[in-house]
């Protein structure tokens, strides 16, 4: 009798583990089925799905940057402002100052790296919590963007530039495929290489990691710079997709990006921030948002949905992390 129950328990644990790993995909499928049943003509069609993939490219890119910082145990609330600054400066320099697109893009990437280094200076050297630092730096960066480019939308970028992002393959903007390549590169680094394990160790047990010889300060600095650099790339992508930009163009992406990162931490490798989890979570949020819009619901429902997902995702991520630590302690 004891052997029989012992044989059943591993099977039950295995099923639970599989459900935990793929709950995000199950939830995404469920949302698609529900909205397809409610709005079969407008929601369940190829154009709707291909449009979502292109529109969410910049949001997915921001989620990747946020994931790197969270993996190191820090926050970057300035990434949306960095993205908005990058988009605005590219639009301003190319349309009003006659600068070449390539030079303008290189310049904003340098600016993004500088922003990341400023964040790292106050977080690593001064010792201020990253939440406070990046919140303040983000506000500062947005003010600089408004001072440089103004508060109005700047359009009229060269077609040769926008074509790089707006051109479609199989009905999907190239922007989506760029993000897929970037996500694959980050997956390799963060999940398959020693650097990713060191970053995870830093975020979960920094003191122990330091004692073990891990250069935690350098990793935190690198994560903040990487997040800002990804924000710079995202700004270039946004202005390339839309052909116009303003300093606040990326602000609506910030909360969904964090919601996606925490929600993604409950999938594939529960209790650990991971790139593919964040990517799939972005599209889950996009499906929910699009579905509610097609149902004709007010904007407050969409805000309620995004906020609820963030709170629940943080709660589940904490639960899964606690279970993982408990199993590690038991062994």
Protein backbone atom coordinates (compact mmCIF):
# COMPACT_ATOMS: atom_id res chain seq x y z
CA UNK A 1 0.00 0.00 0.00
CA UNK A 2 2.78 2.42 0.87
CA UNK A 3 4.58 1.67 -2.38
CA UNK A 4 1.39 2.30 -4.37
CA UNK A 5 0.81 5.73 -2.82
CA UNK A 6 4.48 6.56 -3.25
CA UNK A 7 4.21 5.74 -6.95
CA UNK A 8 1.16 7.93 -7.37
CA UNK A 9 2.66 10.95 -5.67
CA UNK A 10 5.45 11.57 -8.19
CA UNK A 11 2.89 11.33 -11.02
CA UNK A 12 0.70 13.95 -9.34
CA UNK A 13 3.69 16.19 -8.74
CA UNK A 14 4.73 15.79 -12.36
CA UNK A 15 1.28 16.82 -13.61
CA UNK A 16 1.27 19.84 -11.31
CA UNK A 17 4.72 20.85 -12.53
CA UNK A 18 3.62 20.62 -16.16
CA UNK A 19 0.52 22.71 -15.45
CA UNK A 20 2.66 25.32 -13.71
CA UNK A 21 5.13 25.47 -16.58
CA UNK A 22 2.50 25.86 -19.26
CA UNK A 23 -0.32 27.62 -17.39
CA UNK A 24 0.47 30.83 -19.28
CA UNK A 25 -0.05 29.15 -22.65
CA UNK A 26 -3.24 27.52 -21.37
CA UNK A 27 -4.56 30.91 -20.21
CA UNK A 28 -3.63 32.48 -23.54
CA UNK A 29 -5.45 29.74 -25.44
CA UNK A 30 -8.48 30.14 -23.19
CA UNK A 31 -8.63 33.90 -23.86
CA UNK A 32 -8.37 33.36 -27.61
CA UNK A 33 -11.19 30.80 -27.49
CA UNK A 34 -13.43 33.05 -25.36
CA UNK A 35 -12.99 36.19 -27.46
CA UNK A 36 -13.25 34.20 -30.68
CA UNK A 37 -16.60 32.84 -29.52
CA UNK A 38 -17.83 36.29 -28.50
CA UNK A 39 -16.53 38.17 -31.56
CA UNK A 40 -15.88 35.59 -34.30
CA UNK A 41 -16.03 38.10 -37.17
CA UNK A 42 -13.69 40.73 -35.74
CA UNK A 43 -11.42 38.86 -33.32
CA UNK A 44 -10.91 35.43 -34.87
CA UNK A 45 -9.30 36.39 -38.14
CA UNK A 46 -5.78 36.42 -39.52
CA UNK A 47 -5.55 40.20 -39.88
CA UNK A 48 -6.33 40.73 -36.21
CA UNK A 49 -3.62 38.34 -35.04
CA UNK A 50 -0.95 39.58 -37.46
CA UNK A 51 -1.71 43.18 -36.46
CA UNK A 52 -1.31 42.31 -32.78
CA UNK A 53 2.09 40.76 -33.43
CA UNK A 54 3.37 43.90 -35.13
CA UNK A 55 1.81 46.38 -32.72
CA UNK A 56 3.18 44.57 -29.66
CA UNK A 57 6.77 44.39 -30.94
CA UNK A 58 7.94 47.45 -28.98
CA UNK A 59 6.10 46.30 -25.84
CA UNK A 60 7.76 42.89 -26.10
CA UNK A 61 11.15 44.54 -26.50
CA UNK A 62 10.59 46.61 -23.36
CA UNK A 63 9.52 43.47 -21.48
CA UNK A 64 12.80 41.80 -22.45
CA UNK A 65 14.80 44.73 -21.06
CA UNK A 66 12.75 44.75 -17.87
CA UNK A 67 13.26 40.99 -17.48
CA UNK A 68 17.05 41.39 -17.45
CA UNK A 69 16.90 43.96 -14.64
CA UNK A 70 14.40 41.96 -12.59
CA UNK A 71 16.59 38.89 -12.97
CA UNK A 72 19.35 40.90 -11.26
CA UNK A 73 16.97 41.83 -8.44
CA UNK A 74 16.50 45.46 -9.50
CA UNK A 75 13.93 47.71 -11.22
CA UNK A 76 14.18 50.08 -14.17
CA UNK A 77 11.25 52.51 -14.29
CA UNK A 78 13.16 54.82 -16.62
CA UNK A 79 13.06 52.45 -19.60
CA UNK A 80 9.79 53.90 -20.96
CA UNK A 81 11.17 57.44 -20.78
CA UNK A 82 14.38 56.27 -22.45
CA UNK A 83 12.30 54.72 -25.22
CA UNK A 84 10.28 57.92 -25.62
CA UNK A 85 13.42 60.07 -25.63
CA UNK A 86 15.05 57.88 -28.27
CA UNK A 87 12.00 57.98 -30.52
CA UNK A 88 11.60 61.75 -30.15
CA UNK A 89 15.26 62.56 -30.70
CA UNK A 90 15.45 60.40 -33.84
CA UNK A 91 12.32 62.11 -35.20
CA UNK A 92 13.58 65.57 -34.26
CA UNK A 93 17.11 65.20 -35.61
CA UNK A 94 16.09 63.63 -38.92
CA UNK A 95 13.12 65.85 -39.74
CA UNK A 96 14.12 69.21 -38.26
CA UNK A 97 17.90 69.13 -38.16
CA UNK A 98 18.63 67.20 -41.35
CA UNK A 99 20.77 64.56 -39.65
CA UNK A 100 21.08 61.17 -41.30
CA UNK A 101 18.93 58.43 -39.84
CA UNK A 102 21.90 56.16 -39.11
CA UNK A 103 23.77 58.87 -37.21
CA UNK A 104 20.65 59.82 -35.26
CA UNK A 105 20.05 56.19 -34.27
CA UNK A 106 23.65 55.74 -33.15
CA UNK A 107 23.43 58.93 -31.11
CA UNK A 108 20.30 57.85 -29.24
CA UNK A 109 21.85 54.46 -28.48
CA UNK A 110 24.84 56.23 -26.92
CA UNK A 111 22.43 58.40 -24.91
CA UNK A 112 20.59 55.26 -23.76
CA UNK A 113 23.85 53.72 -22.52
CA UNK A 114 24.65 56.94 -20.63
CA UNK A 115 21.22 56.83 -18.96
CA UNK A 116 21.89 53.25 -17.90
CA UNK A 117 25.27 54.22 -16.47
CA UNK A 118 23.69 57.08 -14.51
CA UNK A 119 21.17 54.64 -13.05
CA UNK A 120 23.96 52.23 -12.16
CA UNK A 121 26.04 54.99 -10.54
CA UNK A 122 23.34 55.81 -8.01
CA UNK A 123 22.22 52.23 -7.49
CA UNK A 124 25.60 50.50 -7.24
CA UNK A 125 27.96 53.21 -6.01
CA UNK A 126 25.68 55.42 -3.92
CA UNK A 127 23.44 52.58 -2.75
CA UNK A 128 20.01 54.08 -3.47
CA UNK A 129 17.24 51.61 -4.28
CA UNK A 130 16.79 51.19 -8.02
CA UNK A 131 13.05 51.84 -7.77
CA UNK A 132 13.69 55.38 -6.51
CA UNK A 133 16.64 56.07 -8.79
CA UNK A 134 15.00 54.98 -12.01
CA UNK A 135 11.73 56.69 -11.14
CA UNK A 136 13.59 59.98 -10.73
CA UNK A 137 15.84 59.46 -13.74
CA UNK A 138 12.82 58.52 -15.85
CA UNK A 139 11.08 61.77 -14.95
CA UNK A 140 14.29 63.68 -15.70
CA UNK A 141 14.72 61.95 -19.07
CA UNK A 142 11.15 62.69 -20.08
CA UNK A 143 11.69 66.34 -19.21
CA UNK A 144 14.84 66.40 -21.34
CA UNK A 145 12.94 64.82 -24.23
CA UNK A 146 10.23 67.48 -24.03
CA UNK A 147 12.90 70.19 -23.83
CA UNK A 148 14.63 68.90 -26.96
CA UNK A 149 11.76 67.80 -29.16
CA UNK A 150 8.77 69.58 -27.62
CA UNK A 151 5.58 68.02 -26.34
CA UNK A 152 3.93 67.62 -29.74
CA UNK A 153 4.17 64.64 -32.07
CA UNK A 154 6.88 64.87 -34.73
CA UNK A 155 6.25 63.05 -38.00
CA UNK A 156 7.50 62.93 -41.55
CA UNK A 157 10.39 60.51 -41.19
CA UNK A 158 12.02 59.22 -44.39
CA UNK A 159 10.27 56.32 -46.10
CA UNK A 160 13.60 54.52 -46.43
CA UNK A 161 13.72 54.35 -42.62
CA UNK A 162 10.11 53.43 -41.86
CA UNK A 163 10.15 50.75 -44.56
CA UNK A 164 12.71 48.81 -42.53
CA UNK A 165 10.09 48.30 -39.81
CA UNK A 166 6.75 48.55 -41.63
CA UNK A 167 7.45 46.11 -44.45
CA UNK A 168 5.39 42.96 -43.98
CA UNK A 169 6.24 39.30 -44.38
CA UNK A 170 3.30 36.87 -44.29
CA UNK A 171 1.20 39.85 -43.24
CA UNK A 172 3.38 40.56 -40.17
CA UNK A 173 5.57 43.63 -39.78
CA UNK A 174 9.31 43.00 -39.83
CA UNK A 175 9.48 44.59 -36.37
CA UNK A 176 8.06 41.42 -34.88
CA UNK A 177 10.78 39.28 -36.45
CA UNK A 178 13.48 41.65 -35.18
CA UNK A 179 12.15 41.19 -31.66
CA UNK A 180 12.11 37.41 -32.10
CA UNK A 181 15.80 37.47 -33.02
CA UNK A 182 16.63 39.70 -30.04
CA UNK A 183 14.60 37.46 -27.73
CA UNK A 184 16.44 34.38 -28.98
CA UNK A 185 19.80 36.03 -28.31
CA UNK A 186 18.78 37.02 -24.79
CA UNK A 187 17.44 33.51 -24.16
CA UNK A 188 20.78 31.98 -25.08
CA UNK A 189 22.70 34.39 -22.83
CA UNK A 190 20.33 34.32 -19.84
CA UNK A 191 19.32 30.65 -19.88
CA UNK A 192 22.15 28.70 -21.46
CA UNK A 193 25.31 30.57 -20.48
CA UNK A 194 27.11 31.06 -17.12
CA UNK A 195 26.38 34.80 -17.27
CA UNK A 196 22.66 34.12 -16.94
CA UNK A 197 23.18 31.83 -13.94
CA UNK A 198 25.37 34.44 -12.26
CA UNK A 199 22.73 37.09 -12.89
CA UNK A 200 20.04 34.86 -11.38
CA UNK A 201 22.30 34.14 -8.38
CA UNK A 202 22.84 37.87 -7.95
CA UNK A 203 19.13 38.61 -7.96
CA UNK A 204 18.21 35.86 -5.50
CA UNK A 205 21.10 35.79 -3.05
CA UNK A 206 23.37 38.75 -3.65
CA UNK A 207 25.41 38.46 -0.47
CA UNK A 208 26.05 34.78 -1.04
CA UNK A 209 26.87 35.46 -4.69
CA UNK A 210 29.41 38.10 -3.68
CA UNK A 211 31.03 35.72 -1.19
CA UNK A 212 31.18 33.10 -3.95
CA UNK A 213 33.21 35.46 -6.10
CA UNK A 214 30.43 36.65 -8.42
CA UNK A 215 30.97 40.27 -9.46
CA UNK A 216 27.50 41.35 -8.47
CA UNK A 217 28.06 45.09 -8.84
CA UNK A 218 29.27 44.61 -12.37
CA UNK A 219 26.27 42.42 -13.21
CA UNK A 220 23.79 44.93 -11.77
CA UNK A 221 25.49 47.70 -13.74
CA UNK A 222 25.34 45.61 -16.89
CA UNK A 223 21.66 44.82 -16.38
CA UNK A 224 20.72 48.49 -15.98
CA UNK A 225 22.76 49.50 -19.03
CA UNK A 226 21.24 46.64 -21.04
CA UNK A 227 17.73 47.70 -20.09
CA UNK A 228 18.40 51.27 -21.17
CA UNK A 229 20.00 50.11 -24.41
CA UNK A 230 16.97 47.94 -25.14
CA UNK A 231 14.84 51.01 -24.42
CA UNK A 232 16.86 52.93 -26.99
CA UNK A 233 16.34 50.19 -29.56
CA UNK A 234 12.64 50.19 -28.71
CA UNK A 235 12.42 53.92 -29.35
CA UNK A 236 13.98 53.47 -32.77
CA UNK A 237 11.51 50.68 -33.47
CA UNK A 238 8.48 52.73 -32.40
CA UNK A 239 9.36 55.71 -34.55
CA UNK A 240 10.11 53.37 -37.44
CA UNK A 241 6.76 51.61 -37.07
CA UNK A 242 4.61 54.72 -36.70
CA UNK A 243 6.65 57.28 -38.65
CA UNK A 244 6.11 59.73 -35.78
CA UNK A 245 7.05 60.13 -32.12
CA UNK A 246 6.50 62.11 -28.93
CA UNK A 247 8.31 61.98 -25.55
CA UNK A 248 5.46 60.08 -23.90
CA UNK A 249 4.83 57.60 -26.72
CA UNK A 250 6.20 54.63 -24.73
CA UNK A 251 4.68 55.44 -21.33
CA UNK A 252 1.65 53.14 -21.80
CA UNK A 253 4.02 50.19 -22.27
CA UNK A 254 5.65 50.35 -18.83
CA UNK A 255 2.98 48.70 -16.66
CA UNK A 256 2.22 45.94 -19.21
CA UNK A 257 5.97 45.26 -19.53
CA UNK A 258 6.31 44.63 -15.80
CA UNK A 259 3.05 42.68 -15.72
CA UNK A 260 4.39 40.53 -18.55
CA UNK A 261 7.75 39.97 -16.82
CA UNK A 262 6.18 38.88 -13.54
CA UNK A 263 3.55 36.81 -15.31
CA UNK A 264 6.27 35.21 -17.42
CA UNK A 265 8.11 34.26 -14.22
CA UNK A 266 5.27 31.84 -13.45
CA UNK A 267 5.77 29.92 -16.71
CA UNK A 268 8.39 27.61 -18.26
CA UNK A 269 10.76 28.04 -15.29
CA UNK A 270 8.36 28.98 -12.45
CA UNK A 271 9.96 31.32 -9.93
CA UNK A 272 12.53 32.66 -12.38
CA UNK A 273 12.22 35.60 -14.76
CA UNK A 274 12.71 34.33 -18.29
CA UNK A 275 12.59 35.80 -21.79
CA UNK A 276 10.06 33.48 -23.42
CA UNK A 277 7.72 33.76 -20.47
CA UNK A 278 7.80 37.55 -20.78
CA UNK A 279 7.25 37.36 -24.54
CA UNK A 280 4.22 35.08 -24.30
CA UNK A 281 2.81 37.18 -21.44
CA UNK A 282 2.99 40.32 -23.60
CA UNK A 283 0.79 38.66 -26.18
CA UNK A 284 -1.59 37.35 -23.51
CA UNK A 285 -2.08 40.94 -22.34
CA UNK A 286 -2.49 42.05 -25.96
CA UNK A 287 -5.15 39.41 -26.57
CA UNK A 288 -7.03 40.50 -23.45
CA UNK A 289 -6.78 44.19 -24.31
CA UNK A 290 -7.83 43.68 -27.93
CA UNK A 291 -10.67 41.40 -26.93
CA UNK A 292 -12.09 43.91 -24.45
CA UNK A 293 -11.81 46.68 -27.03
CA UNK A 294 -13.67 44.64 -29.63
CA UNK A 295 -16.37 43.94 -27.06
CA UNK A 296 -16.84 47.71 -26.81
CA UNK A 297 -15.94 47.94 -23.12
CA UNK A 298 -14.69 51.19 -21.59
CA UNK A 299 -10.97 51.88 -21.15
CA UNK A 300 -11.21 51.44 -17.38
CA UNK A 301 -11.82 47.72 -17.95
CA UNK A 302 -8.53 47.47 -19.84
CA UNK A 303 -6.69 49.30 -17.04
CA UNK A 304 -8.38 47.02 -14.52
CA UNK A 305 -7.28 43.97 -16.51
CA UNK A 306 -3.64 45.09 -16.79
CA UNK A 307 -3.44 46.10 -13.13
CA UNK A 308 -5.03 42.86 -11.95
CA UNK A 309 -2.66 40.80 -14.04
CA UNK A 310 0.32 42.65 -12.55
CA UNK A 311 -0.80 42.09 -8.95
CA UNK A 312 -1.71 38.43 -9.51
CA UNK A 313 1.48 37.80 -11.47
CA UNK A 314 3.64 39.19 -8.66
CA UNK A 315 1.73 37.06 -6.14
CA UNK A 316 2.09 33.86 -8.16
CA UNK A 317 5.75 34.58 -8.92
CA UNK A 318 6.37 34.96 -5.19
CA UNK A 319 4.51 31.71 -4.45
CA UNK A 320 6.44 29.74 -7.05
CA UNK A 321 9.71 31.23 -5.89
CA UNK A 322 8.89 30.23 -2.32
CA UNK A 323 8.14 26.68 -3.41
CA UNK A 324 11.38 26.50 -5.40
CA UNK A 325 13.38 27.72 -2.40
CA UNK A 326 11.57 25.21 -0.20
CA UNK A 327 12.47 22.32 -2.49
CA UNK A 328 16.06 23.55 -2.67
CA UNK A 329 16.22 23.72 1.12
CA UNK A 330 14.73 20.23 1.45
CA UNK A 331 17.40 18.77 -0.78
